[in-house]
Amino acid sequence: MKKMQFKTNLKCSGCIAAVTPHLNEAAGAGKWKVDLSTPDRLLTVEADADSGKIIQALAKAGYKAEPVAR
């Protein structure tokens, strides 16, 4: 299992609700979380998923994500 982080343009709990089904499909329920208190609105994913798949999942819901270099 790998840990990935992404900067997103999610702004509120409504945004998170919109991406939830897509992220659950791409990464798995309980395998991701969004920290809205950070300026980058960090999405953290801990799953055996491809980063491109995570970015596409957000795009399907109309949001953007870009990987954060670690």
Protein backbone atom coordinates (compact mmCIF):
# COMPACT_ATOMS: atom_id res chain seq x y z
CA MET A 1 0.00 0.00 0.00
CA LYS A 2 1.34 3.42 -0.88
CA LYS A 3 0.55 6.87 0.44
CA MET A 4 -0.07 9.66 -2.08
CA GLN A 5 -1.00 13.30 -1.58
CA PHE A 6 -2.66 15.67 -4.02
CA LYS A 7 -3.42 19.39 -4.06
CA THR A 8 -7.10 19.83 -4.93
CA ASN A 9 -9.64 22.55 -5.56
CA LEU A 10 -12.20 21.04 -3.16
CA LYS A 11 -13.71 23.73 -0.94
CA CYS A 12 -16.38 22.27 1.31
CA SER A 13 -18.18 19.18 2.54
CA GLY A 14 -20.46 19.40 -0.51
CA CYS A 15 -17.41 19.06 -2.76
CA ILE A 16 -16.28 16.04 -0.78
CA ALA A 17 -19.73 14.49 -1.10
CA ALA A 18 -19.55 14.97 -4.88
CA VAL A 19 -16.19 13.17 -5.20
CA THR A 20 -16.88 10.43 -2.65
CA PRO A 21 -18.38 7.83 -5.01
CA HIS A 22 -15.61 8.40 -7.55
CA LEU A 23 -12.79 8.17 -4.99
CA ASN A 24 -14.38 5.15 -3.31
CA GLU A 25 -14.37 3.43 -6.70
CA ALA A 26 -10.78 4.44 -7.53
CA ALA A 27 -9.12 3.97 -4.14
CA GLY A 28 -11.63 2.21 -1.91
CA ALA A 29 -13.88 3.43 0.88
CA GLY A 30 -11.93 4.51 3.94
CA LYS A 31 -8.67 4.70 1.96
CA TRP A 32 -8.68 8.46 1.45
CA LYS A 33 -9.31 11.72 3.29
CA VAL A 34 -9.34 15.43 2.47
CA ASP A 35 -7.94 18.13 4.77
CA LEU A 36 -9.92 21.28 3.98
CA SER A 37 -8.06 23.26 6.66
CA THR A 38 -4.88 23.44 4.56
CA PRO A 39 -4.46 26.01 1.77
CA ASP A 40 -3.76 23.18 -0.70
CA ARG A 41 -6.90 21.23 0.34
CA LEU A 42 -4.80 18.08 0.58
CA LEU A 43 -6.23 14.75 -0.49
CA THR A 44 -4.35 11.85 1.08
CA VAL A 45 -4.82 8.40 -0.39
CA GLU A 46 -3.45 5.24 1.22
CA ALA A 47 -4.15 2.49 -1.29
CA ASP A 48 -2.66 0.43 -4.07
CA ALA A 49 -4.04 2.77 -6.70
CA ASP A 50 -2.44 4.60 -9.59
CA SER A 51 -2.12 8.37 -9.12
CA GLY A 52 -3.56 8.91 -12.61
CA LYS A 53 -6.66 6.97 -11.61
CA ILE A 54 -7.13 9.24 -8.56
CA ILE A 55 -6.75 12.39 -10.69
CA GLN A 56 -9.28 11.01 -13.20
CA ALA A 57 -11.72 10.19 -10.40
CA LEU A 58 -11.73 13.83 -9.28
CA ALA A 59 -11.98 15.03 -12.88
CA LYS A 60 -15.13 12.90 -13.38
CA ALA A 61 -16.71 14.88 -10.54
CA GLY A 62 -15.52 18.20 -12.01
CA TYR A 63 -12.54 18.84 -9.71
CA LYS A 64 -8.79 19.08 -10.15
CA ALA A 65 -5.93 17.33 -8.39
CA GLU A 66 -2.20 17.42 -8.83
CA PRO A 67 0.37 15.23 -7.08
CA VAL A 68 2.37 16.75 -4.26
CA ALA A 69 6.09 15.98 -4.41
CA ARG A 70 7.28 14.28 -1.23
